[in-house]
Amino acid sequence: MEQGGSNEVMAPLWKIIAIAAIAAGIQFGWALQLSLLTPYSQQLGVPHMWASFIWLCGPISGLLVQPIVGYFSDRTKSRFGRRRPYILGGAGFVGVAVFLIGFAADLGHMGGDSLDSPMKPRAVAIFVVGFWILDVANNMLQGPCRALLADLSAHNHKRMRVANAFFSFFMAVGNVLGYAAGSLPNLHKFLPFTTTVACDVYCANLKTSFLIHIVFISTVTITAISLVKETVHPAQKEFADGEPEPSTPFRKEVTTAFKNMSRPMWLLYLVTALNWIAWFPFLLYDTDWMGHEVYGGKPQGTNTEKRLYGLGVQAGALGLMLNAVILGFASLVIEPIGKLVGGVKRWWGIVNIILAIGLFCTIPVTRMAEAYRAAHGLVPPPANIKGGALSIFSILGIPLSVTFSIPFALASIYSSSSGAGQGLSLGVLNMAIVIPQMIVSVVSGKIDQAFGGGNLPAFIMGGVAAVMSALMAAFLLPNQPPSQASVPALMAGGGH
């Protein structure tokens, strides 16, 4: 059995599964964000090239919130535990945020927005505020959840990998449910009051989905934190009985974390950063690509164009649901496949090549759809074109399972072996995820606009980054990081 140099007793597997299940609640809302909110923001009047700037809130909040929450959750001395107060608080903020987003059109109309104007400034303002709160809340939830999984694993490296694989699996479950909700055209009939004079059928479906999200995340979070009690491990006592704590995480602790970072950890962060430069354009614009390029619709156009755009967004949500199904199955076999191909670093390289191929394949699918519309007019694409697009969504579930699991497992192993706090270490890792997202959010809209307003340029940029990430993962991540007794076994593909 692999050990991380600790005598702590591992929690039962069911406790790890209970905490990992919170990921389903987090990802349900994230799936709704990815599938519905970019089109929704454009329906409120936000131009396509500016839509990406709204998504800056996620990276910025992640840059600030996860390290801060991680730092304080490492040091919290509450009788309720270190991580659980932040998890519960994050879930509460999620409820507030999705209420603001779902009711933005209604609240904007109550505040004076005209139904005849394509731009609804008050609704946009409420939407953006809700969007920012939602991303802050998701970061409050996700970081402490992963840190608690590491705590429950008692620094056992194999159990950490298993815990992160379960977290990735439940993310897939949340994705399936969220994308399924986003793809149902008549979900609003479940809650008829969601349809109002300011909120059409598409808006009402979104509102209903988010109300379901409130109930779902509340249920899984309260259940998990009620069943799983935290205990003080020996590694935690350094903060309770040790030297005086620094005044802020950024002034000392984060700086120290970067100064003391080993070369393997720097390489891990660089591979992760390139990986997210590859992923974020697709995650940001996937349903918009289906509505605009594949189906030929527009969020602000004729009735036919609006109808086609809506059909495309729903088809994109279906594609994301298929993606999530593949993600779930792939998450459960990361460990054995890593052993089969010679190590998880090699598997990470392989799946990034799959990611690059998928992103590049959006080009021929788009060209075929354009050729079909040129010959037949504004009609939905035939089955072969739609099937090609959905195949891209589906196959990308394989690399996404690795992206959601392996970097976090490696970061937990490094931090446990060095004695660093799990919360802060995972918060610092999050910087390698959110800074690339900030870059993509700033440049992708301008790049797309410079090349005619479509989504392909950003996808191509992502494909190039995926190839670079694949090469670095396969050839530069070391097989034997220094002073890590158990990490070589992980990097080489296993060992028990």
Protein backbone atom coordinates (compact mmCIF):
# COMPACT_ATOMS: atom_id res chain seq x y z
CA MET A 1 0.00 0.00 0.00
CA GLU A 2 1.34 3.44 -0.91
CA GLN A 3 1.75 5.76 1.98
CA GLY A 4 2.52 9.42 2.12
CA GLY A 5 4.61 9.21 5.21
CA SER A 6 1.79 9.53 7.72
CA ASN A 7 0.29 7.42 10.48
CA GLU A 8 -3.14 8.91 10.05
CA VAL A 9 -6.09 6.60 9.58
CA MET A 10 -7.91 6.86 6.29
CA ALA A 11 -11.61 7.59 6.37
CA PRO A 12 -13.96 4.90 5.02
CA LEU A 13 -14.50 5.06 1.28
CA TRP A 14 -18.18 5.96 1.72
CA LYS A 15 -17.20 9.23 3.39
CA ILE A 16 -14.96 10.12 0.47
CA ILE A 17 -17.80 9.30 -1.93
CA ALA A 18 -20.23 11.45 0.10
CA ILE A 19 -17.95 14.49 -0.10
CA ALA A 20 -17.08 13.83 -3.74
CA ALA A 21 -20.82 13.80 -4.51
CA ILE A 22 -20.92 17.56 -3.83
CA ALA A 23 -19.12 17.85 -7.18
CA ALA A 24 -22.36 16.76 -8.85
CA GLY A 25 -24.14 19.79 -7.37
CA ILE A 26 -21.32 22.14 -8.34
CA GLN A 27 -21.09 20.81 -11.85
CA PHE A 28 -24.86 20.83 -12.41
CA GLY A 29 -24.72 24.62 -12.19
CA TRP A 30 -21.47 24.82 -14.14
CA ALA A 31 -23.07 22.77 -16.93
CA LEU A 32 -25.96 25.22 -17.07
CA GLN A 33 -23.47 28.09 -17.22
CA LEU A 34 -21.53 26.56 -20.10
CA SER A 35 -24.54 25.48 -22.15
CA LEU A 36 -26.98 28.34 -21.59
CA LEU A 37 -25.41 31.54 -20.29
CA THR A 38 -23.36 32.70 -23.29
CA PRO A 39 -26.45 32.50 -25.55
CA TYR A 40 -28.59 34.02 -22.76
CA SER A 41 -26.23 36.98 -22.35
CA GLN A 42 -26.51 37.68 -26.08
CA GLN A 43 -30.30 37.52 -25.88
CA LEU A 44 -30.10 40.20 -23.19
CA GLY A 45 -28.20 42.34 -25.68
CA VAL A 46 -24.52 41.62 -24.98
CA PRO A 47 -22.59 41.51 -28.31
CA HIS A 48 -20.74 38.30 -29.16
CA MET A 49 -17.26 39.87 -28.93
CA TRP A 50 -18.04 41.18 -25.43
CA ALA A 51 -19.60 37.97 -24.13
CA SER A 52 -16.19 36.51 -23.35
CA PHE A 53 -15.42 39.44 -21.01
CA ILE A 54 -18.32 38.43 -18.78
CA TRP A 55 -16.55 35.11 -18.30
CA LEU A 56 -13.55 36.94 -16.86
CA CYS A 57 -15.34 36.87 -13.51
CA GLY A 58 -14.71 33.14 -13.17
CA PRO A 59 -10.92 33.31 -13.63
CA ILE A 60 -10.58 36.47 -11.54
CA SER A 61 -12.64 35.07 -8.68
CA GLY A 62 -10.72 31.80 -8.89
CA LEU A 63 -7.41 33.68 -8.84
CA LEU A 64 -8.37 35.47 -5.62
CA VAL A 65 -10.92 33.27 -3.88
CA GLN A 66 -9.40 29.78 -4.04
CA PRO A 67 -6.00 30.68 -2.53
CA ILE A 68 -7.67 32.82 0.17
CA VAL A 69 -10.30 30.23 1.03
CA GLY A 70 -7.69 27.48 0.88
CA TYR A 71 -5.38 29.40 3.18
CA PHE A 72 -8.02 30.10 5.80
CA SER A 73 -9.57 26.63 5.56
CA ASP A 74 -6.14 25.22 6.41
CA ARG A 75 -6.18 27.32 9.60
CA THR A 76 -9.84 27.46 10.64
CA LYS A 77 -10.38 26.23 14.20
CA SER A 78 -14.19 26.08 14.14
CA ARG A 79 -15.82 23.27 16.08
CA PHE A 80 -17.66 22.45 12.83
CA GLY A 81 -14.37 21.67 11.10
CA ARG A 82 -11.88 23.36 8.80
CA ARG A 83 -13.51 22.77 5.43
CA ARG A 84 -17.23 22.32 6.14
CA PRO A 85 -18.06 25.97 7.02
CA TYR A 86 -16.68 27.11 3.65
CA ILE A 87 -18.49 24.34 1.80
CA LEU A 88 -21.81 25.28 3.40
CA GLY A 89 -21.23 29.01 2.82
CA GLY A 90 -20.36 28.40 -0.82
CA ALA A 91 -23.57 26.44 -1.36
CA GLY A 92 -25.58 29.32 0.16
CA PHE A 93 -23.99 31.86 -2.17
CA VAL A 94 -24.72 29.57 -5.14
CA GLY A 95 -28.42 29.75 -4.30
CA VAL A 96 -28.36 33.57 -4.22
CA ALA A 97 -26.40 33.77 -7.49
CA VAL A 98 -28.56 31.47 -9.57
CA PHE A 99 -31.69 33.25 -8.38
CA LEU A 100 -30.28 36.56 -9.67
CA ILE A 101 -29.26 34.99 -12.99
CA GLY A 102 -32.55 33.19 -13.56
CA PHE A 103 -34.68 36.22 -12.72
CA ALA A 104 -32.42 38.84 -14.36
CA ALA A 105 -34.84 39.51 -17.24
CA ASP A 106 -37.81 39.88 -14.89
CA LEU A 107 -35.94 42.10 -12.42
CA GLY A 108 -34.57 44.20 -15.28
CA HIS A 109 -38.05 44.69 -16.70
CA MET A 110 -39.35 45.65 -13.27
CA GLY A 111 -36.50 48.19 -13.10
CA GLY A 112 -37.40 49.80 -16.43
CA ASP A 113 -35.95 47.73 -19.28
CA SER A 114 -37.98 48.03 -22.47
CA LEU A 115 -39.28 44.81 -23.98
CA ASP A 116 -38.82 46.29 -27.47
CA SER A 117 -35.15 47.20 -27.04
CA PRO A 118 -32.56 44.54 -28.00
CA MET A 119 -30.29 45.82 -25.21
CA LYS A 120 -31.58 45.39 -21.66
CA PRO A 121 -29.00 47.16 -19.47
CA ARG A 122 -30.59 46.54 -16.06
CA ALA A 123 -31.05 42.86 -16.79
CA VAL A 124 -27.45 42.64 -18.00
CA ALA A 125 -26.20 44.31 -14.80
CA ILE A 126 -28.16 41.89 -12.59
CA PHE A 127 -27.02 38.97 -14.72
CA VAL A 128 -23.36 39.97 -14.43
CA VAL A 129 -23.62 40.44 -10.63
CA GLY A 130 -25.22 37.01 -10.30
CA PHE A 131 -22.60 35.52 -12.62
CA TRP A 132 -19.76 36.89 -10.50
CA ILE A 133 -21.32 35.69 -7.24
CA LEU A 134 -21.85 32.25 -8.77
CA ASP A 135 -18.20 31.90 -9.74
CA VAL A 136 -17.04 33.10 -6.33
CA ALA A 137 -19.38 30.58 -4.70
CA ASN A 138 -18.22 27.72 -6.93
CA ASN A 139 -14.62 28.47 -5.94
CA MET A 140 -15.61 28.56 -2.26
CA LEU A 141 -17.09 25.10 -2.72
CA GLN A 142 -14.66 23.33 -4.99
CA GLY A 143 -11.33 24.11 -3.29
CA PRO A 144 -12.36 23.05 0.25
CA CYS A 145 -14.09 19.95 -1.14
CA ARG A 146 -10.89 18.74 -2.82
CA ALA A 147 -8.85 19.67 0.28
CA LEU A 148 -11.27 17.71 2.49
CA LEU A 149 -10.90 14.70 0.20
CA ALA A 150 -7.13 14.91 0.70
CA ASP A 151 -7.66 15.18 4.49
CA LEU A 152 -9.90 12.10 4.46
CA SER A 153 -7.30 10.22 2.39
CA ALA A 154 -4.78 10.72 5.24
CA HIS A 155 -1.94 11.45 2.77
CA ASN A 156 -2.26 8.02 1.17
CA HIS A 157 -1.31 8.66 -2.45
CA LYS A 158 -3.40 5.95 -4.03
CA ARG A 159 -6.45 6.98 -1.99
CA MET A 160 -5.90 10.61 -3.14
CA ARG A 161 -5.98 9.49 -6.76
CA VAL A 162 -9.12 7.43 -6.09
CA ALA A 163 -10.77 10.37 -4.30
CA ASN A 164 -10.02 12.73 -7.19
CA ALA A 165 -11.28 10.14 -9.66
CA PHE A 166 -14.57 9.96 -7.72
CA PHE A 167 -14.71 13.77 -7.71
CA SER A 168 -14.27 13.72 -11.49
CA PHE A 169 -16.94 11.01 -11.78
CA PHE A 170 -19.48 13.06 -9.84
CA MET A 171 -18.58 16.09 -11.92
CA ALA A 172 -19.62 13.96 -14.88
CA VAL A 173 -22.89 13.06 -13.13
CA GLY A 174 -23.58 16.76 -12.53
CA ASN A 175 -22.71 17.51 -16.14
CA VAL A 176 -25.11 14.87 -17.43
CA LEU A 177 -27.96 16.20 -15.31
CA GLY A 178 -27.18 19.85 -16.04
CA TYR A 179 -26.81 19.42 -19.77
CA ALA A 180 -29.92 17.24 -19.86
CA ALA A 181 -31.85 20.04 -18.15
CA GLY A 182 -30.42 22.58 -20.59
CA SER A 183 -31.39 20.49 -23.62
CA LEU A 184 -35.07 20.00 -22.68
CA PRO A 185 -37.18 22.48 -24.68
CA ASN A 186 -40.27 22.20 -22.46
CA LEU A 187 -38.71 22.11 -18.99
CA HIS A 188 -40.48 25.38 -18.13
CA LYS A 189 -43.81 23.52 -18.09
CA PHE A 190 -42.61 21.85 -14.88
CA LEU A 191 -42.78 25.31 -13.24
CA PRO A 192 -45.32 27.30 -15.29
CA PHE A 193 -44.82 30.51 -13.29
CA THR A 194 -41.33 30.90 -14.82
CA THR A 195 -42.82 32.13 -18.12
CA THR A 196 -43.51 35.87 -17.89
CA VAL A 197 -43.91 38.85 -20.20
CA ALA A 198 -40.18 39.57 -19.89
CA CYS A 199 -39.05 35.94 -19.90
CA ASP A 200 -39.76 33.87 -23.02
CA VAL A 201 -39.63 30.10 -23.31
CA TYR A 202 -35.82 29.94 -23.56
CA CYS A 203 -35.48 32.22 -20.53
CA ALA A 204 -38.11 30.23 -18.61
CA ASN A 205 -36.26 26.97 -19.31
CA LEU A 206 -33.08 28.56 -17.96
CA LYS A 207 -34.92 29.87 -14.88
CA THR A 208 -36.47 26.47 -14.18
CA SER A 209 -33.08 24.76 -14.55
CA PHE A 210 -31.50 27.07 -12.01
CA LEU A 211 -34.32 26.64 -9.51
CA ILE A 212 -33.80 22.88 -9.76
CA HIS A 213 -30.10 23.53 -9.22
CA ILE A 214 -30.79 25.29 -5.91
CA VAL A 215 -32.68 22.26 -4.60
CA PHE A 216 -30.08 19.80 -5.91
CA ILE A 217 -26.94 21.46 -4.54
CA SER A 218 -28.62 22.14 -1.19
CA THR A 219 -29.55 18.46 -0.87
CA VAL A 220 -26.14 16.97 -1.71
CA THR A 221 -24.20 19.54 0.34
CA ILE A 222 -26.29 19.28 3.51
CA THR A 223 -26.33 15.48 3.27
CA ALA A 224 -22.55 15.28 2.88
CA ILE A 225 -21.55 17.68 5.65
CA SER A 226 -24.09 16.07 7.99
CA LEU A 227 -22.74 12.57 7.44
CA VAL A 228 -19.01 13.35 7.35
CA LYS A 229 -17.45 14.87 10.45
CA GLU A 230 -13.95 16.33 10.32
CA THR A 231 -11.24 15.21 12.71
CA VAL A 232 -8.00 17.02 13.52
CA HIS A 233 -5.09 15.20 11.89
CA PRO A 234 -1.55 15.61 13.20
CA ALA A 235 -0.60 17.69 10.15
CA GLN A 236 -3.27 20.24 11.09
CA LYS A 237 -1.80 20.98 14.52
CA GLU A 238 1.03 23.03 13.08
CA PHE A 239 -1.45 25.82 12.50
CA ALA A 240 -3.14 25.52 15.88
CA ASP A 241 -0.02 25.26 18.03
CA GLY A 242 2.78 26.58 15.84
CA GLU A 243 4.25 29.96 15.10
CA PRO A 244 2.19 33.16 14.55
CA GLU A 245 0.32 33.14 11.26
CA PRO A 246 1.12 35.69 8.55
CA SER A 247 -1.36 38.51 8.15
CA THR A 248 -2.40 37.75 4.59
CA PRO A 249 -2.01 34.70 2.35
CA PHE A 250 -0.66 36.69 -0.57
CA ARG A 251 2.00 38.69 1.27
CA LYS A 252 3.79 35.70 2.69
CA GLU A 253 2.19 32.31 2.24
CA VAL A 254 1.51 32.37 -1.51
CA THR A 255 4.90 33.98 -2.17
CA THR A 256 6.57 31.29 -0.07
CA ALA A 257 4.59 28.59 -1.87
CA PHE A 258 5.94 29.80 -5.21
CA LYS A 259 9.51 30.27 -3.93
CA ASN A 260 9.63 26.75 -2.51
CA MET A 261 8.02 25.12 -5.50
CA SER A 262 10.03 22.28 -7.00
CA ARG A 263 10.79 21.98 -10.70
CA PRO A 264 8.29 19.13 -11.17
CA MET A 265 5.55 21.29 -9.64
CA TRP A 266 6.43 24.20 -11.94
CA LEU A 267 6.23 21.84 -14.91
CA LEU A 268 2.90 20.51 -13.64
CA TYR A 269 1.55 24.07 -13.47
CA LEU A 270 2.83 24.90 -16.96
CA VAL A 271 1.23 21.78 -18.49
CA THR A 272 -2.01 22.59 -16.65
CA ALA A 273 -1.94 26.19 -17.91
CA LEU A 274 -1.49 25.13 -21.53
CA ASN A 275 -4.19 22.51 -21.05
CA TRP A 276 -6.69 25.18 -20.00
CA ILE A 277 -5.72 27.54 -22.82
CA ALA A 278 -6.78 24.63 -25.02
CA TRP A 279 -10.00 23.87 -23.17
CA PHE A 280 -11.47 27.25 -22.36
CA PRO A 281 -12.37 28.46 -25.91
CA PHE A 282 -14.45 25.33 -26.45
CA LEU A 283 -16.04 25.44 -23.00
CA LEU A 284 -16.88 29.09 -23.55
CA TYR A 285 -18.30 28.91 -27.07
CA ASP A 286 -19.34 25.28 -27.71
CA THR A 287 -23.12 25.80 -27.70
CA ASP A 288 -22.73 29.15 -29.47
CA TRP A 289 -20.73 27.31 -32.16
CA MET A 290 -23.59 24.84 -32.58
CA GLY A 291 -26.18 27.59 -32.77
CA HIS A 292 -24.21 29.95 -35.00
CA GLU A 293 -21.85 27.95 -37.23
CA VAL A 294 -23.47 24.50 -37.37
CA TYR A 295 -27.15 25.54 -37.40
CA GLY A 296 -26.65 28.97 -39.01
CA GLY A 297 -28.78 30.88 -36.50
CA LYS A 298 -28.35 34.19 -34.70
CA PRO A 299 -29.38 35.22 -31.17
CA GLN A 300 -30.43 38.64 -32.50
CA GLY A 301 -31.89 38.12 -35.98
CA THR A 302 -35.03 37.11 -37.82
CA ASN A 303 -37.48 34.69 -36.24
CA THR A 304 -36.05 31.87 -38.37
CA GLU A 305 -32.49 32.72 -37.32
CA LYS A 306 -33.49 32.89 -33.67
CA ARG A 307 -35.28 29.54 -33.94
CA LEU A 308 -32.25 27.89 -35.57
CA TYR A 309 -29.94 29.38 -32.97
CA GLY A 310 -32.13 28.01 -30.17
CA LEU A 311 -32.19 24.57 -31.81
CA GLY A 312 -28.41 24.68 -32.10
CA VAL A 313 -27.97 25.61 -28.45
CA GLN A 314 -30.22 22.71 -27.43
CA ALA A 315 -28.26 20.37 -29.69
CA GLY A 316 -25.07 21.67 -28.08
CA ALA A 317 -26.49 20.92 -24.64
CA LEU A 318 -27.20 17.38 -25.84
CA GLY A 319 -23.61 17.14 -27.06
CA LEU A 320 -22.34 18.29 -23.68
CA MET A 321 -24.52 15.66 -22.00
CA LEU A 322 -22.93 12.98 -24.20
CA ASN A 323 -19.55 14.47 -23.33
CA ALA A 324 -20.38 14.10 -19.64
CA VAL A 325 -21.40 10.44 -20.04
CA ILE A 326 -18.04 9.64 -21.64
CA LEU A 327 -16.34 11.74 -18.96
CA GLY A 328 -17.95 9.66 -16.22
CA PHE A 329 -16.85 6.32 -17.64
CA ALA A 330 -13.36 7.61 -18.49
CA SER A 331 -12.91 8.93 -14.94
CA LEU A 332 -13.33 5.44 -13.52
CA VAL A 333 -10.56 3.91 -15.66
CA ILE A 334 -7.84 6.59 -15.42
CA GLU A 335 -5.74 4.50 -13.01
CA PRO A 336 -5.74 1.23 -15.02
CA ILE A 337 -5.28 2.99 -18.37
CA GLY A 338 -2.39 4.97 -16.90
CA LYS A 339 -0.70 1.70 -16.00
CA LEU A 340 -1.48 0.21 -19.41
CA VAL A 341 0.09 3.04 -21.44
CA GLY A 342 3.14 3.44 -19.18
CA GLY A 343 2.13 6.18 -16.76
CA VAL A 344 -0.44 8.89 -16.24
CA LYS A 345 1.90 11.53 -17.69
CA ARG A 346 1.92 9.60 -20.98
CA TRP A 347 -1.88 9.19 -20.79
CA TRP A 348 -2.19 12.93 -20.19
CA GLY A 349 -0.12 13.53 -23.35
CA ILE A 350 -2.24 11.12 -25.39
CA VAL A 351 -5.55 12.64 -24.37
CA ASN A 352 -4.29 16.14 -25.14
CA ILE A 353 -3.62 14.99 -28.69
CA ILE A 354 -7.22 13.73 -28.77
CA LEU A 355 -8.30 17.19 -27.55
CA ALA A 356 -6.32 18.89 -30.33
CA ILE A 357 -7.82 16.62 -33.00
CA GLY A 358 -11.32 17.32 -31.70
CA LEU A 359 -10.80 21.09 -31.79
CA PHE A 360 -9.34 20.99 -35.30
CA CYS A 361 -12.28 18.83 -36.48
CA THR A 362 -14.63 21.77 -35.84
CA ILE A 363 -13.24 23.26 -39.07
CA PRO A 364 -14.52 20.60 -41.54
CA VAL A 365 -17.84 20.30 -39.67
CA THR A 366 -18.36 24.06 -39.95
CA ARG A 367 -17.43 24.12 -43.64
CA MET A 368 -19.84 21.25 -44.40
CA ALA A 369 -22.66 23.07 -42.57
CA GLU A 370 -21.96 26.28 -44.50
CA ALA A 371 -21.97 24.40 -47.81
CA TYR A 372 -25.27 22.73 -46.94
CA ARG A 373 -26.93 26.07 -46.09
CA ALA A 374 -25.62 27.58 -49.32
CA ALA A 375 -27.42 24.83 -51.23
CA HIS A 376 -30.61 24.49 -49.15
CA GLY A 377 -31.11 27.80 -47.33
CA LEU A 378 -31.72 28.42 -43.61
CA VAL A 379 -32.67 24.93 -42.46
CA PRO A 380 -31.30 22.68 -39.72
CA PRO A 381 -28.24 20.63 -40.75
CA PRO A 382 -28.69 17.01 -41.89
CA ALA A 383 -27.96 14.05 -39.63
CA ASN A 384 -24.38 13.52 -40.83
CA ILE A 385 -23.32 17.09 -39.99
CA LYS A 386 -25.13 17.10 -36.65
CA GLY A 387 -23.67 13.67 -35.90
CA GLY A 388 -20.17 14.91 -36.69
CA ALA A 389 -20.58 17.84 -34.31
CA LEU A 390 -21.99 15.63 -31.54
CA SER A 391 -19.12 13.18 -32.05
CA ILE A 392 -16.65 15.97 -31.28
CA PHE A 393 -18.51 16.78 -28.07
CA SER A 394 -18.57 13.10 -27.10
CA ILE A 395 -14.94 12.19 -27.73
CA LEU A 396 -13.69 15.22 -25.80
CA GLY A 397 -15.10 13.64 -22.63
CA ILE A 398 -11.99 11.42 -22.54
CA PRO A 399 -9.40 14.21 -22.21
CA LEU A 400 -11.72 16.15 -19.91
CA SER A 401 -11.69 13.28 -17.40
CA VAL A 402 -7.91 13.60 -17.12
CA THR A 403 -8.05 17.40 -16.90
CA PHE A 404 -10.48 17.17 -13.97
CA SER A 405 -8.46 14.55 -12.10
CA ILE A 406 -4.73 14.09 -12.67
CA PRO A 407 -3.45 17.67 -12.03
CA PHE A 408 -5.28 17.82 -8.69
CA ALA A 409 -4.10 14.37 -7.63
CA LEU A 410 -0.49 15.25 -8.43
CA ALA A 411 -0.75 18.59 -6.61
CA SER A 412 -2.20 16.86 -3.52
CA ILE A 413 0.63 14.32 -3.55
CA TYR A 414 3.33 16.98 -3.87
CA SER A 415 1.83 19.13 -1.12
CA SER A 416 1.33 16.21 1.29
CA SER A 417 4.90 15.04 0.76
CA SER A 418 6.29 18.54 1.38
CA GLY A 419 4.04 19.20 4.41
CA ALA A 420 2.24 22.13 2.78
CA GLY A 421 -1.41 22.88 3.47
CA GLN A 422 -3.75 21.12 1.05
CA GLY A 423 -6.12 24.08 0.77
CA LEU A 424 -3.44 26.63 -0.13
CA SER A 425 -1.59 24.23 -2.46
CA LEU A 426 -4.73 23.47 -4.44
CA GLY A 427 -5.55 27.19 -4.46
CA VAL A 428 -2.16 27.91 -5.99
CA LEU A 429 -2.74 25.18 -8.58
CA ASN A 430 -5.97 26.95 -9.43
CA MET A 431 -3.90 29.94 -10.57
CA ALA A 432 -2.54 27.75 -13.37
CA ILE A 433 -6.16 27.21 -14.43
CA VAL A 434 -7.65 30.68 -14.05
CA ILE A 435 -4.82 32.83 -15.47
CA PRO A 436 -5.08 31.05 -18.87
CA GLN A 437 -8.86 31.50 -18.70
CA MET A 438 -8.34 35.23 -18.19
CA ILE A 439 -6.05 35.37 -21.20
CA VAL A 440 -8.53 33.45 -23.35
CA SER A 441 -11.46 35.60 -22.16
CA VAL A 442 -9.59 38.77 -23.14
CA VAL A 443 -8.24 37.68 -26.52
CA SER A 444 -10.72 35.13 -27.90
CA GLY A 445 -13.54 37.57 -28.62
CA LYS A 446 -11.16 39.97 -30.38
CA ILE A 447 -9.53 37.15 -32.37
CA ASP A 448 -12.92 35.81 -33.44
CA GLN A 449 -14.11 39.31 -34.38
CA ALA A 450 -10.93 39.95 -36.41
CA PHE A 451 -11.64 36.81 -38.47
CA GLY A 452 -15.30 37.50 -39.16
CA GLY A 453 -17.04 36.99 -35.83
CA GLY A 454 -17.06 33.17 -35.71
CA ASN A 455 -15.71 30.78 -33.09
CA LEU A 456 -13.18 28.81 -35.17
CA PRO A 457 -10.11 31.04 -34.59
CA ALA A 458 -10.36 30.54 -30.83
CA PHE A 459 -10.81 26.78 -31.33
CA ILE A 460 -7.69 26.64 -33.53
CA MET A 461 -5.74 28.55 -30.88
CA GLY A 462 -6.92 25.94 -28.36
CA GLY A 463 -5.84 23.08 -30.62
CA VAL A 464 -2.30 24.46 -30.89
CA ALA A 465 -2.12 24.83 -27.09
CA ALA A 466 -3.35 21.24 -26.69
CA VAL A 467 -0.49 19.93 -28.85
CA MET A 468 2.04 21.90 -26.79
CA SER A 469 0.51 20.60 -23.56
CA ALA A 470 0.63 17.03 -24.87
CA LEU A 471 4.32 17.24 -25.73
CA MET A 472 5.21 18.74 -22.35
CA ALA A 473 3.16 16.20 -20.42
CA ALA A 474 4.68 13.25 -22.27
CA PHE A 475 8.32 14.36 -22.46
CA LEU A 476 9.05 17.04 -19.85
CA LEU A 477 7.16 15.96 -16.73
CA PRO A 478 9.80 13.99 -14.81
CA ASN A 479 9.52 10.32 -14.01
CA GLN A 480 11.24 10.75 -10.65
CA PRO A 481 10.53 14.05 -8.91
CA PRO A 482 13.03 14.69 -6.12
CA SER A 483 12.15 13.76 -2.54
CA GLN A 484 8.88 12.12 -3.49
CA ALA A 485 9.02 8.50 -2.48
CA SER A 486 5.67 7.56 -3.89
CA VAL A 487 5.31 9.96 -6.77
CA PRO A 488 7.55 7.96 -9.14
CA ALA A 489 5.10 5.08 -8.82
CA LEU A 490 2.25 7.39 -9.80
CA MET A 491 4.16 8.99 -12.66
CA ALA A 492 5.26 5.59 -13.92
CA GLY A 493 1.76 4.24 -13.84
CA GLY A 494 0.94 2.88 -10.43
CA GLY A 495 2.43 0.71 -7.76
CA HIS A 496 0.71 -0.40 -4.58
